């Protein structure tokens, strides 16, 4: 048991180090084998359970008083993780370790992490956008974990990352289980191409409270 935990800790540290090196170099990172297989399967089982309970709802764009629903821009369904289960607590503890490493190595002053399950049904997509909202910019680093096995290019649903300076694609990522994508929220435009089969992921953001949010008590 102790050996297994040591191996897992080493694997996590290696992941965090690789991501941080990429963020410094280019502002984005794509890593394979990011989570233990058992945790990935537990997350998939929980998504399916909540989906069967019809708890994943159409996703909004914007935050707080600016929130709106526009399925011409975004058509996935989501459910926020709140620590309601052992599986969620395990995953959130992993993200907390990730946050601490980002702060330790990059001095980002990250206060918290938020994340949600996301299901893209057949034909669903999310048009090109930035994750940091104008005026708030509380989301500093975005992170995505993919949960589908045996994903093929013909299944669609790729994540496209764009250059900060132009429309050039810097990476096109298949949403294959175990893949982790991380990028600077205010700098990397991205989009999800239409999926041709059900596509499952967890999207998260390492945040620091913005001046506007503090003034509004958010």
Protein backbone atom coordinates (compact mmCIF):
# COMPACT_ATOMS: atom_id res chain seq x y z
CA UNK A 1 0.00 0.00 0.00
CA UNK A 2 2.78 2.45 0.94
CA UNK A 3 4.62 1.59 -2.28
CA UNK A 4 1.47 2.25 -4.31
CA UNK A 5 0.97 5.64 -2.64
CA UNK A 6 4.61 6.54 -3.24
CA UNK A 7 4.32 5.68 -6.93
CA UNK A 8 1.12 7.73 -7.20
CA UNK A 9 2.76 10.70 -5.45
CA UNK A 10 5.76 10.51 -7.78
CA UNK A 11 3.47 10.32 -10.82
CA UNK A 12 1.52 13.38 -9.67
CA UNK A 13 4.69 15.36 -9.03
CA UNK A 14 5.97 14.44 -12.49
CA UNK A 15 2.69 15.61 -14.04
CA UNK A 16 2.74 18.91 -12.14
CA UNK A 17 6.37 19.55 -13.10
CA UNK A 18 5.73 18.83 -16.80
CA UNK A 19 2.68 21.09 -16.89
CA UNK A 20 4.48 23.95 -15.16
CA UNK A 21 7.44 23.72 -17.52
CA UNK A 22 5.09 23.90 -20.52
CA UNK A 23 3.10 26.81 -19.08
CA UNK A 24 6.28 28.82 -18.64
CA UNK A 25 7.52 27.92 -22.12
CA UNK A 26 4.36 28.26 -24.23
CA UNK A 27 1.31 28.93 -22.07
CA UNK A 28 -0.31 25.51 -22.57
CA UNK A 29 0.36 21.83 -21.90
CA UNK A 30 -1.01 18.46 -22.99
CA UNK A 31 -0.16 15.44 -20.83
CA UNK A 32 -1.10 11.76 -21.04
CA UNK A 33 -1.82 9.31 -18.19
CA UNK A 34 -2.72 12.12 -15.82
CA UNK A 35 -4.97 10.24 -13.38
CA UNK A 36 -5.01 6.74 -11.84
CA UNK A 37 -7.24 4.39 -13.84
CA UNK A 38 -9.45 3.58 -10.85
CA UNK A 39 -10.17 7.25 -10.19
CA UNK A 40 -10.96 7.81 -13.86
CA UNK A 41 -13.42 4.91 -13.86
CA UNK A 42 -15.00 6.15 -10.61
CA UNK A 43 -15.48 9.59 -12.20
CA UNK A 44 -17.05 8.04 -15.31
CA UNK A 45 -19.39 5.95 -13.15
CA UNK A 46 -20.43 9.06 -11.24
CA UNK A 47 -21.05 11.08 -14.40
CA UNK A 48 -23.24 8.29 -15.76
CA UNK A 49 -25.12 8.04 -12.45
CA UNK A 50 -25.83 11.79 -12.30
CA UNK A 51 -26.69 11.85 -16.01
CA UNK A 52 -29.24 9.08 -15.52
CA UNK A 53 -30.71 11.21 -12.72
CA UNK A 54 -30.92 14.11 -15.22
CA UNK A 55 -28.74 16.31 -13.00
CA UNK A 56 -26.45 17.56 -15.79
CA UNK A 57 -28.07 20.71 -17.14
CA UNK A 58 -27.44 22.96 -20.18
CA UNK A 59 -24.30 25.02 -19.61
CA UNK A 60 -24.33 28.80 -19.43
CA UNK A 61 -21.82 31.37 -20.66
CA UNK A 62 -20.71 34.31 -18.54
CA UNK A 63 -20.78 34.63 -14.75
CA UNK A 64 -23.05 36.05 -12.07
CA UNK A 65 -25.42 38.75 -13.45
CA UNK A 66 -23.98 38.29 -16.98
CA UNK A 67 -24.84 34.59 -17.16
CA UNK A 68 -26.89 33.52 -20.18
CA UNK A 69 -27.77 30.40 -22.13
CA UNK A 70 -26.95 30.36 -25.83
CA UNK A 71 -26.77 26.95 -27.48
CA UNK A 72 -25.51 28.51 -30.70
CA UNK A 73 -22.27 29.12 -28.79
CA UNK A 74 -22.20 26.27 -26.29
CA UNK A 75 -24.33 23.12 -26.17
CA UNK A 76 -22.80 20.86 -23.51
CA UNK A 77 -24.39 19.87 -20.19
CA UNK A 78 -22.64 20.31 -16.85
CA UNK A 79 -22.73 19.61 -13.12
CA UNK A 80 -20.42 21.34 -10.63
CA UNK A 81 -18.32 19.21 -8.31
CA UNK A 82 -18.99 20.11 -4.68
CA UNK A 83 -17.36 17.27 -2.73
CA UNK A 84 -20.64 15.38 -2.29
CA UNK A 85 -18.99 11.96 -2.78
CA UNK A 86 -15.75 10.14 -1.94
CA UNK A 87 -14.87 10.17 -5.65
CA UNK A 88 -15.25 13.93 -5.85
CA UNK A 89 -13.26 14.47 -2.66
CA UNK A 90 -10.41 12.34 -4.02
CA UNK A 91 -10.36 14.32 -7.26
CA UNK A 92 -10.65 17.70 -5.52
CA UNK A 93 -7.76 16.77 -3.21
CA UNK A 94 -5.70 16.02 -6.31
CA UNK A 95 -6.56 19.45 -7.74
CA UNK A 96 -5.68 21.08 -4.43
CA UNK A 97 -2.20 19.51 -4.63
CA UNK A 98 -2.02 20.81 -8.21
CA UNK A 99 -2.95 24.34 -7.02
CA UNK A 100 -0.29 24.33 -4.32
CA UNK A 101 2.36 23.24 -6.83
CA UNK A 102 1.37 26.01 -9.25
CA UNK A 103 1.65 28.56 -6.46
CA UNK A 104 4.94 27.18 -5.22
CA UNK A 105 6.59 27.16 -8.64
CA UNK A 106 4.95 30.12 -10.40
CA UNK A 107 3.85 32.42 -7.56
CA UNK A 108 0.38 32.81 -9.06
CA UNK A 109 -1.47 33.53 -5.82
CA UNK A 110 -4.21 31.02 -6.64
CA UNK A 111 -6.89 30.94 -3.94
CA UNK A 112 -9.14 28.08 -5.02
CA UNK A 113 -10.22 25.66 -7.71
CA UNK A 114 -13.65 25.13 -9.26
CA UNK A 115 -14.62 22.40 -11.68
CA UNK A 116 -17.56 20.67 -13.30
CA UNK A 117 -18.46 17.52 -15.15
CA UNK A 118 -19.20 18.16 -18.82
CA UNK A 119 -21.06 15.93 -21.25
CA UNK A 120 -21.17 16.75 -24.94
CA UNK A 121 -23.99 14.81 -26.55
CA UNK A 122 -23.78 13.89 -30.23
CA UNK A 123 -23.56 17.14 -32.22
CA UNK A 124 -22.63 19.30 -29.22
CA UNK A 125 -19.83 21.88 -29.37
CA UNK A 126 -18.37 25.00 -27.76
CA UNK A 127 -17.26 27.80 -30.08
CA UNK A 128 -13.94 29.61 -29.76
CA UNK A 129 -13.61 31.57 -26.52
CA UNK A 130 -11.36 32.59 -23.63
CA UNK A 131 -11.97 31.34 -20.10
CA UNK A 132 -11.07 34.58 -18.33
CA UNK A 133 -14.07 36.91 -18.32
CA UNK A 134 -13.66 40.58 -19.17
CA UNK A 135 -13.40 42.68 -16.03
CA UNK A 136 -13.02 39.68 -13.72
CA UNK A 137 -10.05 37.62 -14.91
CA UNK A 138 -10.27 35.52 -11.75
CA UNK A 139 -9.67 32.32 -13.69
CA UNK A 140 -5.90 32.11 -14.07
CA UNK A 141 -5.15 28.55 -15.19
CA UNK A 142 -7.63 26.25 -16.95
CA UNK A 143 -7.40 22.47 -16.71
CA UNK A 144 -9.34 19.71 -18.48
CA UNK A 145 -9.35 15.95 -17.92
CA UNK A 146 -10.80 13.61 -20.54
CA UNK A 147 -12.60 10.39 -19.63
CA UNK A 148 -13.61 8.57 -22.86
CA UNK A 149 -11.84 5.36 -23.83
CA UNK A 150 -10.90 4.54 -27.44
CA UNK A 151 -11.66 7.97 -28.88
CA UNK A 152 -10.92 8.26 -32.60
CA UNK A 153 -10.48 11.29 -34.86
CA UNK A 154 -13.69 10.28 -36.65
CA UNK A 155 -15.53 10.75 -33.35
CA UNK A 156 -14.94 14.52 -33.58
CA UNK A 157 -15.00 16.53 -30.36
CA UNK A 158 -11.35 17.62 -30.51
CA UNK A 159 -10.18 20.55 -28.43
CA UNK A 160 -8.43 23.17 -30.54
CA UNK A 161 -5.99 25.54 -28.86
CA UNK A 162 -5.11 28.74 -30.71
CA UNK A 163 -2.17 31.09 -30.64
CA UNK A 164 -2.61 34.20 -28.53
CA UNK A 165 -1.52 36.37 -31.47
CA UNK A 166 -3.49 35.00 -34.42
CA UNK A 167 -5.85 32.26 -35.58
CA UNK A 168 -3.12 29.63 -35.89
CA UNK A 169 -3.93 26.30 -34.21
CA UNK A 170 -1.14 25.38 -31.80
CA UNK A 171 -2.63 22.04 -30.75
CA UNK A 172 -5.59 19.80 -31.59
CA UNK A 173 -6.31 17.37 -28.76
CA UNK A 174 -8.39 14.21 -28.96
CA UNK A 175 -10.52 13.80 -25.80
CA UNK A 176 -8.98 10.43 -24.94
CA UNK A 177 -9.18 9.09 -21.39
CA UNK A 178 -6.24 10.10 -19.23
CA UNK A 179 -5.33 13.18 -21.26
CA UNK A 180 -4.93 16.41 -19.30
CA UNK A 181 -4.88 19.83 -20.98
CA UNK A 182 -3.78 22.91 -19.06
CA UNK A 183 -3.42 26.52 -20.26
CA UNK A 184 -3.37 30.16 -19.18
CA UNK A 185 -7.03 31.16 -19.04
CA UNK A 186 -6.64 34.74 -20.30
CA UNK A 187 -4.20 33.93 -23.12
CA UNK A 188 -5.23 30.78 -24.97
CA UNK A 189 -8.39 30.91 -27.11
CA UNK A 190 -9.89 27.45 -27.62
CA UNK A 191 -12.94 25.61 -28.90
CA UNK A 192 -14.54 22.18 -28.79
CA UNK A 193 -15.44 20.83 -32.23
CA UNK A 194 -18.78 19.01 -32.65
CA UNK A 195 -18.71 15.54 -31.12
CA UNK A 196 -20.13 12.56 -32.97
CA UNK A 197 -20.52 10.42 -29.83
CA UNK A 198 -21.08 11.20 -26.17
CA UNK A 199 -17.99 12.97 -24.83
CA UNK A 200 -17.19 13.17 -21.09
CA UNK A 201 -14.70 15.41 -19.32
CA UNK A 202 -14.02 17.51 -16.26
CA UNK A 203 -13.23 21.18 -16.80
CA UNK A 204 -11.66 23.18 -13.99
CA UNK A 205 -10.10 26.53 -13.22
CA UNK A 206 -7.50 27.58 -10.69
CA UNK A 207 -8.70 30.97 -9.50
CA UNK A 208 -7.79 34.05 -7.55
CA UNK A 209 -10.47 36.47 -6.49
CA UNK A 210 -10.57 39.57 -8.70
CA UNK A 211 -10.83 43.13 -7.40
CA UNK A 212 -14.34 43.42 -8.84
CA UNK A 213 -15.46 40.18 -7.21
CA UNK A 214 -14.04 41.31 -3.87
CA UNK A 215 -15.88 44.64 -4.14
CA UNK A 216 -19.13 42.81 -4.91
CA UNK A 217 -18.58 40.26 -2.15
CA UNK A 218 -18.66 37.36 -4.64
